[in-house]
Amino acid sequence: MVSSLEERVAKIEGILDQMDKRLNHIESELRDLNKRLESLRNELYGEIRGLRNELYGEVKSLRSELYKEVSDLRRDLNSRFYWLLGVQISMWVTIILTIVFK
């Protein structure tokens, strides 16, 4: 029975040794995985920052184009308004002169 107990203890020590090696391997794999995830996260954040800057540039460009178009439309509208006002005033003057000199 004593040898049986020594054998059992030796077997348990062997198992614990194996578990220690396996746990160390798992810990090193987890560290490597953590480093890779950190690297991927940093790369992803860099890509997101790049895309955000590119998007801001595009939005800024579109905004300036839109402001230019609106400015052109305002100028065109003002021009047409003055022409319409001039035509109406000349019609009223013509009608009033026709009534006065008739």
PDB file of N, CA and C in Angstrom:
ATOM      1  N   MET A   1       0.802  -1.180   0.000  1.00  0.00           N
ATOM      2  CA  MET A   1       0.000   0.000   0.000  1.00  0.00           C
ATOM      3  C   MET A   1       0.862   1.267   0.000  1.00  0.00           C
ATOM      4  N   VAL A   2       2.028   1.241   0.653  1.00  0.00           N
ATOM      5  CA  VAL A   2       2.918   2.386   0.700  1.00  0.00           C
ATOM      6  C   VAL A   2       3.439   2.692  -0.689  1.00  0.00           C
ATOM      7  N   SER A   3       3.852   1.649  -1.422  1.00  0.00           N
ATOM      8  CA  SER A   3       4.341   1.895  -2.777  1.00  0.00           C
ATOM      9  C   SER A   3       3.212   2.404  -3.650  1.00  0.00           C
ATOM     10  N   SER A   4       2.056   1.943  -3.387  1.00  0.00           N
ATOM     11  CA  SER A   4       0.901   2.406  -4.155  1.00  0.00           C
ATOM     12  C   SER A   4       0.659   3.884  -3.887  1.00  0.00           C
ATOM     13  N   LEU A   5       0.825   4.295  -2.636  1.00  0.00           N
ATOM     14  CA  LEU A   5       0.652   5.701  -2.291  1.00  0.00           C
ATOM     15  C   LEU A   5       1.744   6.539  -2.920  1.00  0.00           C
ATOM     16  N   GLU A   6       2.978   6.057  -2.905  1.00  0.00           N
ATOM     17  CA  GLU A   6       4.086   6.783  -3.542  1.00  0.00           C
ATOM     18  C   GLU A   6       3.875   6.890  -5.041  1.00  0.00           C
ATOM     19  N   GLU A   7       3.368   5.806  -5.641  1.00  0.00           N
ATOM     20  CA  GLU A   7       3.093   5.840  -7.074  1.00  0.00           C
ATOM     21  C   GLU A   7       2.015   6.876  -7.392  1.00  0.00           C
ATOM     22  N   ARG A   8       0.996   6.904  -6.557  1.00  0.00           N
ATOM     23  CA  ARG A   8      -0.087   7.863  -6.775  1.00  0.00           C
ATOM     24  C   ARG A   8       0.411   9.298  -6.641  1.00  0.00           C
ATOM     25  N   VAL A   9       1.213   9.554  -5.632  1.00  0.00           N
ATOM     26  CA  VAL A   9       1.753  10.898  -5.426  1.00  0.00           C
ATOM     27  C   VAL A   9       2.646  11.279  -6.605  1.00  0.00           C
ATOM     28  N   ALA A  10       3.477  10.330  -7.056  1.00  0.00           N
ATOM     29  CA  ALA A  10       4.346  10.589  -8.200  1.00  0.00           C
ATOM     30  C   ALA A  10       3.517  10.869  -9.451  1.00  0.00           C
ATOM     31  N   LYS A  11       2.439  10.135  -9.623  1.00  0.00           N
ATOM     32  CA  LYS A  11       1.558  10.335 -10.776  1.00  0.00           C
ATOM     33  C   LYS A  11       0.907  11.718 -10.701  1.00  0.00           C
ATOM     34  N   ILE A  12       0.449  12.094  -9.511  1.00  0.00           N
ATOM     35  CA  ILE A  12      -0.168  13.421  -9.324  1.00  0.00           C
ATOM     36  C   ILE A  12       0.859  14.515  -9.573  1.00  0.00           C
ATOM     37  N   GLU A  13       2.104  14.322  -9.121  1.00  0.00           N
ATOM     38  CA  GLU A  13       3.153  15.310  -9.376  1.00  0.00           C
ATOM     39  C   GLU A  13       3.423  15.433 -10.867  1.00  0.00           C
ATOM     40  N   GLY A  14       3.413  14.319 -11.573  1.00  0.00           N
ATOM     41  CA  GLY A  14       3.606  14.332 -13.030  1.00  0.00           C
ATOM     42  C   GLY A  14       2.469  15.080 -13.718  1.00  0.00           C
ATOM     43  N   ILE A  15       1.261  14.799 -13.258  1.00  0.00           N
ATOM     44  CA  ILE A  15       0.088  15.484 -13.832  1.00  0.00           C
ATOM     45  C   ILE A  15       0.179  16.984 -13.564  1.00  0.00           C
ATOM     46  N   LEU A  16       0.565  17.363 -12.346  1.00  0.00           N
ATOM     47  CA  LEU A  16       0.690  18.785 -12.012  1.00  0.00           C
ATOM     48  C   LEU A  16       1.776  19.455 -12.851  1.00  0.00           C
ATOM     49  N   ASP A  17       2.856  18.723 -13.097  1.00  0.00           N
ATOM     50  CA  ASP A  17       3.919  19.250 -13.960  1.00  0.00           C
ATOM     51  C   ASP A  17       3.390  19.515 -15.359  1.00  0.00           C
ATOM     52  N   GLN A  18       2.644  18.548 -15.887  1.00  0.00           N
ATOM     53  CA  GLN A  18       2.065  18.705 -17.214  1.00  0.00           C
ATOM     54  C   GLN A  18       1.074  19.881 -17.238  1.00  0.00           C
ATOM     55  N   MET A  19       0.266  19.987 -16.188  1.00  0.00           N
ATOM     56  CA  MET A  19      -0.715  21.087 -16.116  1.00  0.00           C
ATOM     57  C   MET A  19       0.005  22.429 -16.062  1.00  0.00           C
ATOM     58  N   ASP A  20       1.105  22.481 -15.333  1.00  0.00           N
ATOM     59  CA  ASP A  20       1.865  23.726 -15.239  1.00  0.00           C
ATOM     60  C   ASP A  20       2.411  24.124 -16.610  1.00  0.00           C
ATOM     61  N   LYS A  21       2.969  23.132 -17.337  1.00  0.00           N
ATOM     62  CA  LYS A  21       3.492  23.414 -18.675  1.00  0.00           C
ATOM     63  C   LYS A  21       2.369  23.870 -19.608  1.00  0.00           C
ATOM     64  N   ARG A  22       1.239  23.185 -19.534  1.00  0.00           N
ATOM     65  CA  ARG A  22       0.103  23.546 -20.401  1.00  0.00           C
ATOM     66  C   ARG A  22      -0.439  24.927 -20.058  1.00  0.00           C
ATOM     67  N   LEU A  23      -0.533  25.219 -18.774  1.00  0.00           N
ATOM     68  CA  LEU A  23      -1.022  26.544 -18.375  1.00  0.00           C
ATOM     69  C   LEU A  23      -0.055  27.649 -18.801  1.00  0.00           C
ATOM     70  N   ASN A  24       1.241  27.391 -18.686  1.00  0.00           N
ATOM     71  CA  ASN A  24       2.235  28.360 -19.156  1.00  0.00           C
ATOM     72  C   ASN A  24       2.098  28.581 -20.656  1.00  0.00           C
ATOM     73  N   HIS A  25       1.872  27.493 -21.384  1.00  0.00           N
ATOM     74  CA  HIS A  25       1.684  27.604 -22.832  1.00  0.00           C
ATOM     75  C   HIS A  25       0.416  28.418 -23.143  1.00  0.00           C
ATOM     76  N   ILE A  26      -0.636  28.143 -22.413  1.00  0.00           N
ATOM     77  CA  ILE A  26      -1.893  28.888 -22.617  1.00  0.00           C
ATOM     78  C   ILE A  26      -1.689  30.366 -22.289  1.00  0.00           C
ATOM     79  N   GLU A  27      -0.980  30.651 -21.217  1.00  0.00           N
ATOM     80  CA  GLU A  27      -0.711  32.049 -20.848  1.00  0.00           C
ATOM     81  C   GLU A  27       0.096  32.756 -21.928  1.00  0.00           C
ATOM     82  N   SER A  28       1.096  32.081 -22.461  1.00  0.00           N
ATOM     83  CA  SER A  28       1.906  32.722 -23.521  1.00  0.00           C
ATOM     84  C   SER A  28       1.064  32.920 -24.779  1.00  0.00           C
ATOM     85  N   GLU A  29       0.199  31.969 -25.105  1.00  0.00           N
ATOM     86  CA  GLU A  29      -0.695  32.121 -26.256  1.00  0.00           C
ATOM     87  C   GLU A  29      -1.663  33.284 -26.042  1.00  0.00           C
ATOM     88  N   LEU A  30      -2.169  33.418 -24.826  1.00  0.00           N
ATOM     89  CA  LEU A  30      -3.068  34.528 -24.522  1.00  0.00           C
ATOM     90  C   LEU A  30      -2.343  35.871 -24.622  1.00  0.00           C
ATOM     91  N   ARG A  31      -1.090  35.923 -24.181  1.00  0.00           N
ATOM     92  CA  ARG A  31      -0.308  37.160 -24.313  1.00  0.00           C
ATOM     93  C   ARG A  31      -0.111  37.513 -25.785  1.00  0.00           C
ATOM     94  N   ASP A  32       0.240  36.504 -26.580  1.00  0.00           N
ATOM     95  CA  ASP A  32       0.416  36.736 -28.014  1.00  0.00           C
ATOM     96  C   ASP A  32      -0.887  37.194 -28.663  1.00  0.00           C
ATOM     97  N   LEU A  33      -1.973  36.560 -28.278  1.00  0.00           N
ATOM     98  CA  LEU A  33      -3.281  36.943 -28.811  1.00  0.00           C
ATOM     99  C   LEU A  33      -3.640  38.365 -28.403  1.00  0.00           C
ATOM    100  N   ASN A  34      -3.343  38.706 -27.156  1.00  0.00           N
ATOM    101  CA  ASN A  34      -3.610  40.056 -26.664  1.00  0.00           C
ATOM    102  C   ASN A  34      -2.803  41.090 -27.442  1.00  0.00           C
ATOM    103  N   LYS A  35      -1.529  40.780 -27.724  1.00  0.00           N
ATOM    104  CA  LYS A  35      -0.679  41.688 -28.505  1.00  0.00           C
ATOM    105  C   LYS A  35      -1.225  41.851 -29.922  1.00  0.00           C
ATOM    106  N   ARG A  36      -1.638  40.734 -30.519  1.00  0.00           N
ATOM    107  CA  ARG A  36      -2.186  40.804 -31.878  1.00  0.00           C
ATOM    108  C   ARG A  36      -3.478  41.605 -31.910  1.00  0.00           C
ATOM    109  N   LEU A  37      -4.318  41.397 -30.905  1.00  0.00           N
ATOM    110  CA  LEU A  37      -5.569  42.167 -30.835  1.00  0.00           C
ATOM    111  C   LEU A  37      -5.295  43.653 -30.645  1.00  0.00           C
ATOM    112  N   GLU A  38      -4.323  43.972 -29.822  1.00  0.00           N
ATOM    113  CA  GLU A  38      -3.943  45.376 -29.602  1.00  0.00           C
ATOM    114  C   GLU A  38      -3.434  45.994 -30.900  1.00  0.00           C
ATOM    115  N   SER A  39      -2.615  45.225 -31.618  1.00  0.00           N
ATOM    116  CA  SER A  39      -2.095  45.708 -32.896  1.00  0.00           C
ATOM    117  C   SER A  39      -3.227  45.920 -33.901  1.00  0.00           C
ATOM    118  N   LEU A  40      -4.137  44.965 -33.976  1.00  0.00           N
ATOM    119  CA  LEU A  40      -5.281  45.102 -34.886  1.00  0.00           C
ATOM    120  C   LEU A  40      -6.169  46.273 -34.492  1.00  0.00           C
ATOM    121  N   ARG A  41      -6.363  46.474 -33.188  1.00  0.00           N
ATOM    122  CA  ARG A  41      -7.176  47.597 -32.726  1.00  0.00           C
ATOM    123  C   ARG A  41      -6.533  48.920 -33.115  1.00  0.00           C
ATOM    124  N   ASN A  42      -5.226  49.024 -32.912  1.00  0.00           N
ATOM    125  CA  ASN A  42      -4.527  50.256 -33.299  1.00  0.00           C
ATOM    126  C   ASN A  42      -4.602  50.489 -34.803  1.00  0.00           C
ATOM    127  N   GLU A  43      -4.440  49.408 -35.563  1.00  0.00           N
ATOM    128  CA  GLU A  43      -4.549  49.528 -37.013  1.00  0.00           C
ATOM    129  C   GLU A  43      -5.953  49.954 -37.432  1.00  0.00           C
ATOM    130  N   LEU A  44      -6.958  49.368 -36.786  1.00  0.00           N
ATOM    131  CA  LEU A  44      -8.343  49.720 -37.090  1.00  0.00           C
ATOM    132  C   LEU A  44      -8.626  51.174 -36.730  1.00  0.00           C
ATOM    133  N   TYR A  45      -8.154  51.619 -35.570  1.00  0.00           N
ATOM    134  CA  TYR A  45      -8.340  53.021 -35.194  1.00  0.00           C
ATOM    135  C   TYR A  45      -7.645  53.948 -36.180  1.00  0.00           C
ATOM    136  N   GLY A  46      -6.469  53.559 -36.651  1.00  0.00           N
ATOM    137  CA  GLY A  46      -5.774  54.361 -37.651  1.00  0.00           C
ATOM    138  C   GLY A  46      -6.574  54.448 -38.941  1.00  0.00           C
ATOM    139  N   GLU A  47      -7.130  53.327 -39.365  1.00  0.00           N
ATOM    140  CA  GLU A  47      -7.960  53.316 -40.571  1.00  0.00           C
ATOM    141  C   GLU A  47      -9.193  54.190 -40.382  1.00  0.00           C
ATOM    142  N   ILE A  48      -9.808  54.097 -39.225  1.00  0.00           N
ATOM    143  CA  ILE A  48     -11.005  54.898 -38.948  1.00  0.00           C
ATOM    144  C   ILE A  48     -10.650  56.379 -38.960  1.00  0.00           C
ATOM    145  N   ARG A  49      -9.520  56.742 -38.348  1.00  0.00           N
ATOM    146  CA  ARG A  49      -9.093  58.146 -38.366  1.00  0.00           C
ATOM    147  C   ARG A  49      -8.851  58.625 -39.790  1.00  0.00           C
ATOM    148  N   GLY A  50      -8.211  57.778 -40.593  1.00  0.00           N
ATOM    149  CA  GLY A  50      -7.958  58.134 -41.986  1.00  0.00           C
ATOM    150  C   GLY A  50      -9.244  58.332 -42.759  1.00  0.00           C
ATOM    151  N   LEU A  51     -10.186  57.409 -42.568  1.00  0.00           N
ATOM    152  CA  LEU A  51     -11.475  57.525 -43.254  1.00  0.00           C
ATOM    153  C   LEU A  51     -12.247  58.748 -42.777  1.00  0.00           C
ATOM    154  N   ARG A  52     -12.158  59.030 -41.481  1.00  0.00           N
ATOM    155  CA  ARG A  52     -12.843  60.197 -40.934  1.00  0.00           C
ATOM    156  C   ARG A  52     -12.269  61.481 -41.535  1.00  0.00           C
ATOM    157  N   ASN A  53     -10.942  61.561 -41.613  1.00  0.00           N
ATOM    158  CA  ASN A  53     -10.323  62.740 -42.210  1.00  0.00           C
ATOM    159  C   ASN A  53     -10.690  62.879 -43.677  1.00  0.00           C
ATOM    160  N   GLU A  54     -10.706  61.744 -44.377  1.00  0.00           N
ATOM    161  CA  GLU A  54     -11.100  61.772 -45.787  1.00  0.00           C
ATOM    162  C   GLU A  54     -12.552  62.215 -45.936  1.00  0.00           C
ATOM    163  N   LEU A  55     -13.410  61.703 -45.071  1.00  0.00           N
ATOM    164  CA  LEU A  55     -14.819  62.082 -45.113  1.00  0.00           C
ATOM    165  C   LEU A  55     -14.998  63.558 -44.800  1.00  0.00           C
ATOM    166  N   TYR A  56     -14.278  64.059 -43.795  1.00  0.00           N
ATOM    167  CA  TYR A  56     -14.358  65.488 -43.480  1.00  0.00           C
ATOM    168  C   TYR A  56     -13.905  66.332 -44.664  1.00  0.00           C
ATOM    169  N   GLY A  57     -12.863  65.891 -45.360  1.00  0.00           N
ATOM    170  CA  GLY A  57     -12.401  66.614 -46.541  1.00  0.00           C
ATOM    171  C   GLY A  57     -13.457  66.634 -47.627  1.00  0.00           C
ATOM    172  N   GLU A  58     -14.100  65.489 -47.845  1.00  0.00           N
ATOM    173  CA  GLU A  58     -15.159  65.421 -48.855  1.00  0.00           C
ATOM    174  C   GLU A  58     -16.342  66.303 -48.484  1.00  0.00           C
ATOM    175  N   VAL A  59     -16.735  66.257 -47.214  1.00  0.00           N
ATOM    176  CA  VAL A  59     -17.854  67.077 -46.763  1.00  0.00           C
ATOM    177  C   VAL A  59     -17.511  68.559 -46.910  1.00  0.00           C
ATOM    178  N   LYS A  60     -16.289  68.918 -46.567  1.00  0.00           N
ATOM    179  CA  LYS A  60     -15.861  70.314 -46.702  1.00  0.00           C
ATOM    180  C   LYS A  60     -15.902  70.742 -48.161  1.00  0.00           C
ATOM    181  N   SER A  61     -15.438  69.872 -49.047  1.00  0.00           N
ATOM    182  CA  SER A  61     -15.455  70.165 -50.476  1.00  0.00           C
ATOM    183  C   SER A  61     -16.895  70.316 -50.981  1.00  0.00           C
ATOM    184  N   LEU A  62     -17.761  69.382 -50.579  1.00  0.00           N
ATOM    185  CA  LEU A  62     -19.166  69.466 -51.000  1.00  0.00           C
ATOM    186  C   LEU A  62     -19.833  70.711 -50.442  1.00  0.00           C
ATOM    187  N   ARG A  63     -19.497  71.061 -49.209  1.00  0.00           N
ATOM    188  CA  ARG A  63     -20.073  72.249 -48.588  1.00  0.00           C
ATOM    189  C   ARG A  63     -19.667  73.498 -49.362  1.00  0.00           C
ATOM    190  N   SER A  64     -18.392  73.591 -49.738  1.00  0.00           N
ATOM    191  CA  SER A  64     -17.943  74.772 -50.478  1.00  0.00           C
ATOM    192  C   SER A  64     -18.592  74.821 -51.861  1.00  0.00           C
ATOM    193  N   GLU A  65     -18.755  73.657 -52.510  1.00  0.00           N
ATOM    194  CA  GLU A  65     -19.446  73.630 -53.797  1.00  0.00           C
ATOM    195  C   GLU A  65     -20.894  74.066 -53.639  1.00  0.00           C
ATOM    196  N   LEU A  66     -21.547  73.596 -52.584  1.00  0.00           N
ATOM    197  CA  LEU A  66     -22.937  73.962 -52.342  1.00  0.00           C
ATOM    198  C   LEU A  66     -23.066  75.454 -52.075  1.00  0.00           C
ATOM    199  N   TYR A  67     -22.165  76.021 -51.275  1.00  0.00           N
ATOM    200  CA  TYR A  67     -22.203  77.460 -51.016  1.00  0.00           C
ATOM    201  C   TYR A  67     -22.014  78.250 -52.311  1.00  0.00           C
ATOM    202  N   LYS A  68     -21.126  77.764 -53.178  1.00  0.00           N
ATOM    203  CA  LYS A  68     -20.902  78.436 -54.459  1.00  0.00           C
ATOM    204  C   LYS A  68     -22.169  78.382 -55.299  1.00  0.00           C
ATOM    205  N   GLU A  69     -22.813  77.215 -55.356  1.00  0.00           N
ATOM    206  CA  GLU A  69     -24.051  77.080 -56.131  1.00  0.00           C
ATOM    207  C   GLU A  69     -25.147  77.978 -55.583  1.00  0.00           C
ATOM    208  N   VAL A  70     -25.284  78.019 -54.271  1.00  0.00           N
ATOM    209  CA  VAL A  70     -26.307  78.869 -53.654  1.00  0.00           C
ATOM    210  C   VAL A  70     -26.011  80.332 -53.941  1.00  0.00           C
ATOM    211  N   SER A  71     -24.752  80.710 -53.883  1.00  0.00           N
ATOM    212  CA  SER A  71     -24.361  82.086 -54.178  1.00  0.00           C
ATOM    213  C   SER A  71     -24.694  82.437 -55.623  1.00  0.00           C
ATOM    214  N   ASP A  72     -24.394  81.518 -56.543  1.00  0.00           N
ATOM    215  CA  ASP A  72     -24.728  81.748 -57.955  1.00  0.00           C
ATOM    216  C   ASP A  72     -26.233  81.868 -58.148  1.00  0.00           C
ATOM    217  N   LEU A  73     -26.994  81.010 -57.458  1.00  0.00           N
ATOM    218  CA  LEU A  73     -28.450  81.075 -57.571  1.00  0.00           C
ATOM    219  C   LEU A  73     -29.000  82.388 -57.019  1.00  0.00           C
ATOM    220  N   ARG A  74     -28.443  82.840 -55.907  1.00  0.00           N
ATOM    221  CA  ARG A  74     -28.882  84.126 -55.348  1.00  0.00           C
ATOM    222  C   ARG A  74     -28.602  85.267 -56.312  1.00  0.00           C
ATOM    223  N   ARG A  75     -27.422  85.247 -56.895  1.00  0.00           N
ATOM    224  CA  ARG A  75     -27.062  86.295 -57.852  1.00  0.00           C
ATOM    225  C   ARG A  75     -28.025  86.270 -59.049  1.00  0.00           C
ATOM    226  N   ASP A  76     -28.312  85.076 -59.558  1.00  0.00           N
ATOM    227  CA  ASP A  76     -29.226  84.926 -60.684  1.00  0.00           C
ATOM    228  C   ASP A  76     -30.632  85.376 -60.310  1.00  0.00           C
ATOM    229  N   LEU A  77     -31.063  85.015 -59.112  1.00  0.00           N
ATOM    230  CA  LEU A  77     -32.402  85.407 -58.650  1.00  0.00           C
ATOM    231  C   LEU A  77     -32.499  86.918 -58.500  1.00  0.00           C
ATOM    232  N   ASN A  78     -31.476  87.537 -57.937  1.00  0.00           N
ATOM    233  CA  ASN A  78     -31.488  88.997 -57.804  1.00  0.00           C
ATOM    234  C   ASN A  78     -31.525  89.671 -59.170  1.00  0.00           C
ATOM    235  N   SER A  79     -30.760  89.146 -60.100  1.00  0.00           N
ATOM    236  CA  SER A  79     -30.748  89.710 -61.446  1.00  0.00           C
ATOM    237  C   SER A  79     -32.127  89.608 -62.091  1.00  0.00           C
ATOM    238  N   ARG A  80     -32.739  88.433 -61.972  1.00  0.00           N
ATOM    239  CA  ARG A  80     -34.075  88.250 -62.567  1.00  0.00           C
ATOM    240  C   ARG A  80     -35.116  89.121 -61.858  1.00  0.00           C
ATOM    241  N   PHE A  81     -34.973  89.266 -60.555  1.00  0.00           N
ATOM    242  CA  PHE A  81     -35.910  90.114 -59.816  1.00  0.00           C
ATOM    243  C   PHE A  81     -35.838  91.555 -60.309  1.00  0.00           C
ATOM    244  N   TYR A  82     -34.622  92.084 -60.495  1.00  0.00           N
ATOM    245  CA  TYR A  82     -34.479  93.467 -60.967  1.00  0.00           C
ATOM    246  C   TYR A  82     -35.019  93.619 -62.389  1.00  0.00           C
ATOM    247  N   TRP A  83     -34.798  92.617 -63.237  1.00  0.00           N
ATOM    248  CA  TRP A  83     -35.366  92.672 -64.574  1.00  0.00           C
ATOM    249  C   TRP A  83     -36.888  92.677 -64.506  1.00  0.00           C
ATOM    250  N   LEU A  84     -37.461  91.812 -63.670  1.00  0.00           N
ATOM    251  CA  LEU A  84     -38.928  91.750 -63.533  1.00  0.00           C
ATOM    252  C   LEU A  84     -39.459  93.059 -62.988  1.00  0.00           C
ATOM    253  N   LEU A  85     -38.782  93.629 -62.014  1.00  0.00           N
ATOM    254  CA  LEU A  85     -39.186  94.906 -61.446  1.00  0.00           C
ATOM    255  C   LEU A  85     -39.114  96.005 -62.501  1.00  0.00           C
ATOM    256  N   GLY A  86     -38.055  96.009 -63.298  1.00  0.00           N
ATOM    257  CA  GLY A  86     -37.930  96.997 -64.369  1.00  0.00           C
ATOM    258  C   GLY A  86     -39.022  96.873 -65.401  1.00  0.00           C
ATOM    259  N   VAL A  87     -39.359  95.657 -65.790  1.00  0.00           N
ATOM    260  CA  VAL A  87     -40.427  95.439 -66.771  1.00  0.00           C
ATOM    261  C   VAL A  87     -41.761  95.895 -66.204  1.00  0.00           C
ATOM    262  N   GLN A  88     -42.052  95.566 -64.946  1.00  0.00           N
ATOM    263  CA  GLN A  88     -43.329  95.972 -64.345  1.00  0.00           C
ATOM    264  C   GLN A  88     -43.432  97.492 -64.227  1.00  0.00           C
ATOM    265  N   ILE A  89     -42.355  98.123 -63.797  1.00  0.00           N
ATOM    266  CA  ILE A  89     -42.384  99.589 -63.662  1.00  0.00           C
ATOM    267  C   ILE A  89     -42.596 100.227 -65.032  1.00  0.00           C
ATOM    268  N   SER A  90     -41.910  99.727 -66.063  1.00  0.00           N
ATOM    269  CA  SER A  90     -42.095 100.301 -67.397  1.00  0.00           C
ATOM    270  C   SER A  90     -43.512 100.067 -67.907  1.00  0.00           C
ATOM    271  N   MET A  91     -44.115  98.901 -67.571  1.00  0.00           N
ATOM    272  CA  MET A  91     -45.516  98.665 -67.971  1.00  0.00           C
ATOM    273  C   MET A  91     -46.444  99.626 -67.257  1.00  0.00           C
ATOM    274  N   TRP A  92     -46.232  99.819 -65.957  1.00  0.00           N
ATOM    275  CA  TRP A  92     -47.094 100.745 -65.211  1.00  0.00           C
ATOM    276  C   TRP A  92     -46.963 102.171 -65.745  1.00  0.00           C
ATOM    277  N   VAL A  93     -45.729 102.573 -66.026  1.00  0.00           N
ATOM    278  CA  VAL A  93     -45.512 103.918 -66.569  1.00  0.00           C
ATOM    279  C   VAL A  93     -46.224 104.054 -67.915  1.00  0.00           C
ATOM    280  N   THR A  94     -46.114 103.024 -68.754  1.00  0.00           N
ATOM    281  CA  THR A  94     -46.774 103.057 -70.060  1.00  0.00           C
ATOM    282  C   THR A  94     -48.289 103.143 -69.909  1.00  0.00           C
ATOM    283  N   ILE A  95     -48.838 102.349 -69.016  1.00  0.00           N
ATOM    284  CA  ILE A  95     -50.293 102.370 -68.786  1.00  0.00           C
ATOM    285  C   ILE A  95     -50.727 103.715 -68.248  1.00  0.00           C
ATOM    286  N   ILE A  96     -50.002 104.258 -67.270  1.00  0.00           N
ATOM    287  CA  ILE A  96     -50.359 105.560 -66.692  1.00  0.00           C
ATOM    288  C   ILE A  96     -50.229 106.656 -67.746  1.00  0.00           C
ATOM    289  N   LEU A  97     -49.175 106.619 -68.554  1.00  0.00           N
ATOM    290  CA  LEU A  97     -49.022 107.628 -69.617  1.00  0.00           C
ATOM    291  C   LEU A  97     -50.124 107.507 -70.656  1.00  0.00           C
ATOM    292  N   THR A  98     -50.539 106.279 -70.957  1.00  0.00           N
ATOM    293  CA  THR A  98     -51.607 106.077 -71.905  1.00  0.00           C
ATOM    294  C   THR A  98     -52.916 106.670 -71.359  1.00  0.00           C
ATOM    295  N   ILE A  99     -53.179 106.442 -70.074  1.00  0.00           N
ATOM    296  CA  ILE A  99     -54.403 106.956 -69.461  1.00  0.00           C
ATOM    297  C   ILE A  99     -54.326 108.483 -69.377  1.00  0.00           C
ATOM    298  N   VAL A 100     -53.178 109.036 -69.007  1.00  0.00           N
ATOM    299  CA  VAL A 100     -53.047 110.474 -68.850  1.00  0.00           C
ATOM    300  C   VAL A 100     -53.167 111.195 -70.193  1.00  0.00           C
ATOM    301  N   PHE A 101     -52.575 110.712 -71.243  1.00  0.00           N
ATOM    302  CA  PHE A 101     -52.559 111.410 -72.529  1.00  0.00           C
ATOM    303  C   PHE A 101     -53.655 110.990 -73.472  1.00  0.00           C
ATOM    304  N   LYS A 102     -54.582 110.235 -73.043  1.00  0.00           N
ATOM    305  CA  LYS A 102     -55.657 109.806 -73.919  1.00  0.00           C
ATOM    306  C   LYS A 102     -56.790 110.763 -73.899  1.00  0.00           C
TER     307      LYS A 102
END
